[in-house]
Amino acid sequence: MPHALATPPADLPARAPAAPRGALRRLLPALVALLLALPLAVSGGRMLLAGIADYQAGAFLVDWERAAAEPRPRAADIATRAATRAAALYPTANGRYLQRLGHIQQWRHFRQPFGATLAEPSRRAALEAFRAAALARPTWPDNWAALAYAKLYLREFDA
């Protein structure tokens, strides 16, 4: 006599095979790792773009220092945008990027004398960038020296 449970009755629908529980258990850690890695990848991408923009701004500074001449307005604008982009893309306040922004602003009119009204807007922008750099890296003496130098060019003296 054949076994009664060997074949399903004709009136019951055939069930699809159930997904193995082991596959789900293996997939879950990978999904969690992917969800945790996504913010790191976004932050890393922003830091990469900030580094590229900082490199561009730094290349302008090196060229201006080598030529020992004030930059052309278009070059100064491009370098300022690159330095601003680098500081904005970095996830936190980066003193190095902010200090570079200040140096770019100083170079716009570096041949102008102390207190020159033509140079005041760029020198004020440099002063603000150096202040932000000093807040980001308060123990770095270069930030404070650059801040003092910017104040000297503006003829602002602390009492």
C-alpha atoms as a PDB file:
ATOM      1  CA  MET A   1       0.000   0.000   0.000  1.00  0.00           C
ATOM      2  CA  PRO A   2       1.428   3.372  -0.942  1.00  0.00           C
ATOM      3  CA  HIS A   3       2.110   5.943   1.707  1.00  0.00           C
ATOM      4  CA  ALA A   4      -0.771   8.431   2.054  1.00  0.00           C
ATOM      5  CA  LEU A   5       1.418  11.511   2.530  1.00  0.00           C
ATOM      6  CA  ALA A   6       3.727  10.873  -0.420  1.00  0.00           C
ATOM      7  CA  THR A   7       1.684  12.991  -2.851  1.00  0.00           C
ATOM      8  CA  PRO A   8      -0.393  16.015  -1.968  1.00  0.00           C
ATOM      9  CA  PRO A   9      -4.094  15.806  -2.558  1.00  0.00           C
ATOM     10  CA  ALA A  10      -5.178  17.301  -5.884  1.00  0.00           C
ATOM     11  CA  ASP A  11      -7.482  19.918  -4.319  1.00  0.00           C
ATOM     12  CA  LEU A  12      -4.686  21.676  -2.292  1.00  0.00           C
ATOM     13  CA  PRO A  13      -2.501  24.278  -4.097  1.00  0.00           C
ATOM     14  CA  ALA A  14       1.175  23.579  -4.209  1.00  0.00           C
ATOM     15  CA  ARG A  15       3.226  25.835  -1.880  1.00  0.00           C
ATOM     16  CA  ALA A  16       6.281  27.685  -3.045  1.00  0.00           C
ATOM     17  CA  PRO A  17       9.410  26.630  -1.243  1.00  0.00           C
ATOM     18  CA  ALA A  18      10.125  28.859   1.756  1.00  0.00           C
ATOM     19  CA  ALA A  19      13.211  31.055   1.700  1.00  0.00           C
ATOM     20  CA  PRO A  20      15.937  29.557   3.772  1.00  0.00           C
ATOM     21  CA  ARG A  21      16.375  31.353   7.077  1.00  0.00           C
ATOM     22  CA  GLY A  22      20.138  31.095   6.833  1.00  0.00           C
ATOM     23  CA  ALA A  23      20.260  33.354   3.761  1.00  0.00           C
ATOM     24  CA  LEU A  24      18.366  36.100   5.589  1.00  0.00           C
ATOM     25  CA  ARG A  25      20.685  35.842   8.561  1.00  0.00           C
ATOM     26  CA  ARG A  26      23.707  36.175   6.270  1.00  0.00           C
ATOM     27  CA  LEU A  27      22.183  39.133   4.395  1.00  0.00           C
ATOM     28  CA  LEU A  28      21.203  41.167   7.477  1.00  0.00           C
ATOM     29  CA  PRO A  29      24.765  42.055   8.628  1.00  0.00           C
ATOM     30  CA  ALA A  30      25.657  43.116   5.099  1.00  0.00           C
ATOM     31  CA  LEU A  31      22.638  45.434   4.970  1.00  0.00           C
ATOM     32  CA  VAL A  32      23.488  46.926   8.361  1.00  0.00           C
ATOM     33  CA  ALA A  33      27.095  47.464   7.285  1.00  0.00           C
ATOM     34  CA  LEU A  34      25.902  49.143   4.086  1.00  0.00           C
ATOM     35  CA  LEU A  35      23.623  51.484   6.022  1.00  0.00           C
ATOM     36  CA  LEU A  36      26.452  52.371   8.394  1.00  0.00           C
ATOM     37  CA  ALA A  37      28.955  52.866   5.561  1.00  0.00           C
ATOM     38  CA  LEU A  38      26.727  55.230   3.576  1.00  0.00           C
ATOM     39  CA  PRO A  39      27.244  58.294   5.836  1.00  0.00           C
ATOM     40  CA  LEU A  40      30.970  57.556   5.923  1.00  0.00           C
ATOM     41  CA  ALA A  41      31.091  57.433   2.138  1.00  0.00           C
ATOM     42  CA  VAL A  42      29.222  60.747   1.869  1.00  0.00           C
ATOM     43  CA  SER A  43      31.542  62.399   4.404  1.00  0.00           C
ATOM     44  CA  GLY A  44      34.584  60.954   2.680  1.00  0.00           C
ATOM     45  CA  GLY A  45      33.372  62.243  -0.670  1.00  0.00           C
ATOM     46  CA  ARG A  46      32.880  65.728   0.759  1.00  0.00           C
ATOM     47  CA  MET A  47      36.353  65.647   2.283  1.00  0.00           C
ATOM     48  CA  LEU A  48      37.814  64.532  -1.043  1.00  0.00           C
ATOM     49  CA  LEU A  49      36.148  67.420  -2.875  1.00  0.00           C
ATOM     50  CA  ALA A  50      37.296  69.825  -0.151  1.00  0.00           C
ATOM     51  CA  GLY A  51      40.859  68.584  -0.543  1.00  0.00           C
ATOM     52  CA  ILE A  52      40.752  69.068  -4.307  1.00  0.00           C
ATOM     53  CA  ALA A  53      39.441  72.629  -3.909  1.00  0.00           C
ATOM     54  CA  ASP A  54      42.118  73.357  -1.291  1.00  0.00           C
ATOM     55  CA  TYR A  55      44.797  72.057  -3.645  1.00  0.00           C
ATOM     56  CA  GLN A  56      43.525  74.390  -6.355  1.00  0.00           C
ATOM     57  CA  ALA A  57      43.586  77.375  -3.985  1.00  0.00           C
ATOM     58  CA  GLY A  58      47.061  76.435  -2.792  1.00  0.00           C
ATOM     59  CA  ALA A  59      48.346  76.258  -6.361  1.00  0.00           C
ATOM     60  CA  PHE A  60      47.267  79.841  -6.888  1.00  0.00           C
ATOM     61  CA  LEU A  61      49.089  80.946  -3.735  1.00  0.00           C
ATOM     62  CA  VAL A  62      52.293  79.200  -4.775  1.00  0.00           C
ATOM     63  CA  ASP A  63      52.141  80.888  -8.169  1.00  0.00           C
ATOM     64  CA  TRP A  64      51.568  84.329  -6.654  1.00  0.00           C
ATOM     65  CA  GLU A  65      54.413  83.863  -4.187  1.00  0.00           C
ATOM     66  CA  ARG A  66      56.741  82.774  -6.983  1.00  0.00           C
ATOM     67  CA  ALA A  67      55.805  85.807  -9.103  1.00  0.00           C
ATOM     68  CA  ALA A  68      55.802  88.167  -6.079  1.00  0.00           C
ATOM     69  CA  ALA A  69      53.004  90.134  -7.714  1.00  0.00           C
ATOM     70  CA  GLU A  70      49.389  90.853  -6.917  1.00  0.00           C
ATOM     71  CA  PRO A  71      47.086  88.385  -8.617  1.00  0.00           C
ATOM     72  CA  ARG A  72      44.804  89.331 -11.443  1.00  0.00           C
ATOM     73  CA  PRO A  73      41.222  89.892 -10.241  1.00  0.00           C
ATOM     74  CA  ARG A  74      39.909  86.836 -12.103  1.00  0.00           C
ATOM     75  CA  ALA A  75      42.601  84.586 -10.605  1.00  0.00           C
ATOM     76  CA  ALA A  76      41.908  85.985  -7.151  1.00  0.00           C
ATOM     77  CA  ASP A  77      38.175  85.326  -7.589  1.00  0.00           C
ATOM     78  CA  ILE A  78      38.766  81.736  -8.718  1.00  0.00           C
ATOM     79  CA  ALA A  79      41.140  81.099  -5.809  1.00  0.00           C
ATOM     80  CA  THR A  80      38.697  82.670  -3.351  1.00  0.00           C
ATOM     81  CA  ARG A  81      35.854  80.486  -4.620  1.00  0.00           C
ATOM     82  CA  ALA A  82      38.046  77.377  -4.369  1.00  0.00           C
ATOM     83  CA  ALA A  83      39.147  78.196  -0.815  1.00  0.00           C
ATOM     84  CA  THR A  84      35.571  79.020   0.223  1.00  0.00           C
ATOM     85  CA  ARG A  85      34.353  75.770  -1.326  1.00  0.00           C
ATOM     86  CA  ALA A  86      37.045  73.801   0.515  1.00  0.00           C
ATOM     87  CA  ALA A  87      36.058  75.328   3.854  1.00  0.00           C
ATOM     88  CA  ALA A  88      32.343  74.804   3.185  1.00  0.00           C
ATOM     89  CA  LEU A  89      32.626  71.180   2.032  1.00  0.00           C
ATOM     90  CA  TYR A  90      34.701  69.993   4.970  1.00  0.00           C
ATOM     91  CA  PRO A  91      32.397  68.488   7.628  1.00  0.00           C
ATOM     92  CA  THR A  92      33.804  70.628  10.456  1.00  0.00           C
ATOM     93  CA  ALA A  93      35.619  73.947  10.702  1.00  0.00           C
ATOM     94  CA  ASN A  94      39.047  73.340   9.208  1.00  0.00           C
ATOM     95  CA  GLY A  95      41.623  75.870  10.354  1.00  0.00           C
ATOM     96  CA  ARG A  96      44.021  75.090   7.540  1.00  0.00           C
ATOM     97  CA  TYR A  97      41.418  75.771   4.859  1.00  0.00           C
ATOM     98  CA  LEU A  98      40.241  78.939   6.599  1.00  0.00           C
ATOM     99  CA  GLN A  99      43.795  80.199   6.967  1.00  0.00           C
ATOM    100  CA  ARG A 100      44.406  79.610   3.258  1.00  0.00           C
ATOM    101  CA  LEU A 101      41.275  81.620   2.496  1.00  0.00           C
ATOM    102  CA  GLY A 102      42.677  84.465   4.590  1.00  0.00           C
ATOM    103  CA  HIS A 103      46.010  84.369   2.777  1.00  0.00           C
ATOM    104  CA  ILE A 104      44.244  84.516  -0.581  1.00  0.00           C
ATOM    105  CA  GLN A 105      42.314  87.572   0.570  1.00  0.00           C
ATOM    106  CA  GLN A 106      45.549  89.207   1.743  1.00  0.00           C
ATOM    107  CA  TRP A 107      47.237  88.598  -1.585  1.00  0.00           C
ATOM    108  CA  ARG A 108      44.576  90.547  -3.483  1.00  0.00           C
ATOM    109  CA  HIS A 109      46.197  93.858  -2.453  1.00  0.00           C
ATOM    110  CA  PHE A 110      49.448  92.906  -0.793  1.00  0.00           C
ATOM    111  CA  ARG A 111      51.389  95.761  -2.425  1.00  0.00           C
ATOM    112  CA  GLN A 112      49.024  98.386  -1.038  1.00  0.00           C
ATOM    113  CA  PRO A 113      50.272 100.306   2.007  1.00  0.00           C
ATOM    114  CA  PHE A 114      48.974  99.930   5.548  1.00  0.00           C
ATOM    115  CA  GLY A 115      45.469 101.352   5.927  1.00  0.00           C
ATOM    116  CA  ALA A 116      44.814 101.678   2.167  1.00  0.00           C
ATOM    117  CA  THR A 117      41.086 102.137   1.549  1.00  0.00           C
ATOM    118  CA  LEU A 118      41.255 100.218  -1.743  1.00  0.00           C
ATOM    119  CA  ALA A 119      42.506  97.120   0.062  1.00  0.00           C
ATOM    120  CA  GLU A 120      40.215  97.333   3.083  1.00  0.00           C
ATOM    121  CA  PRO A 121      37.415  94.963   1.887  1.00  0.00           C
ATOM    122  CA  SER A 122      39.803  92.121   1.085  1.00  0.00           C
ATOM    123  CA  ARG A 123      41.803  92.726   4.249  1.00  0.00           C
ATOM    124  CA  ARG A 124      38.613  92.640   6.338  1.00  0.00           C
ATOM    125  CA  ALA A 125      37.675  89.355   4.660  1.00  0.00           C
ATOM    126  CA  ALA A 126      41.158  88.037   5.476  1.00  0.00           C
ATOM    127  CA  LEU A 127      40.774  89.146   9.087  1.00  0.00           C
ATOM    128  CA  GLU A 128      37.469  87.266   9.398  1.00  0.00           C
ATOM    129  CA  ALA A 129      38.983  84.137   7.832  1.00  0.00           C
ATOM    130  CA  PHE A 130      41.933  84.281  10.243  1.00  0.00           C
ATOM    131  CA  ARG A 131      39.575  84.723  13.189  1.00  0.00           C
ATOM    132  CA  ALA A 132      37.621  81.656  12.103  1.00  0.00           C
ATOM    133  CA  ALA A 133      40.897  79.741  11.654  1.00  0.00           C
ATOM    134  CA  ALA A 134      42.008  80.738  15.158  1.00  0.00           C
ATOM    135  CA  LEU A 135      38.704  79.491  16.568  1.00  0.00           C
ATOM    136  CA  ALA A 136      39.089  76.200  14.706  1.00  0.00           C
ATOM    137  CA  ARG A 137      42.722  75.727  15.798  1.00  0.00           C
ATOM    138  CA  PRO A 138      43.286  77.881  18.887  1.00  0.00           C
ATOM    139  CA  THR A 139      46.636  76.341  19.802  1.00  0.00           C
ATOM    140  CA  TRP A 140      48.335  76.878  16.430  1.00  0.00           C
ATOM    141  CA  PRO A 141      50.565  79.965  16.536  1.00  0.00           C
ATOM    142  CA  ASP A 142      50.451  80.464  12.745  1.00  0.00           C
ATOM    143  CA  ASN A 143      46.764  81.370  12.994  1.00  0.00           C
ATOM    144  CA  TRP A 144      47.417  83.998  15.648  1.00  0.00           C
ATOM    145  CA  ALA A 145      50.399  85.437  13.775  1.00  0.00           C
ATOM    146  CA  ALA A 146      48.332  85.724  10.586  1.00  0.00           C
ATOM    147  CA  LEU A 147      45.531  87.363  12.569  1.00  0.00           C
ATOM    148  CA  ALA A 148      47.946  89.904  14.060  1.00  0.00           C
ATOM    149  CA  TYR A 149      49.444  90.605  10.642  1.00  0.00           C
ATOM    150  CA  ALA A 150      45.966  91.205   9.168  1.00  0.00           C
ATOM    151  CA  LYS A 151      45.141  93.594  12.004  1.00  0.00           C
ATOM    152  CA  LEU A 152      48.414  95.438  11.419  1.00  0.00           C
ATOM    153  CA  TYR A 153      47.575  96.000   7.759  1.00  0.00           C
ATOM    154  CA  LEU A 154      44.156  97.325   8.806  1.00  0.00           C
ATOM    155  CA  ARG A 155      45.800  99.505  11.485  1.00  0.00           C
ATOM    156  CA  GLU A 156      43.706  97.887  14.192  1.00  0.00           C
ATOM    157  CA  PHE A 157      45.594  97.647  17.446  1.00  0.00           C
ATOM    158  CA  ASP A 158      44.439  95.915  20.613  1.00  0.00           C
ATOM    159  CA  ALA A 159      44.583  97.968  23.758  1.00  0.00           C
END
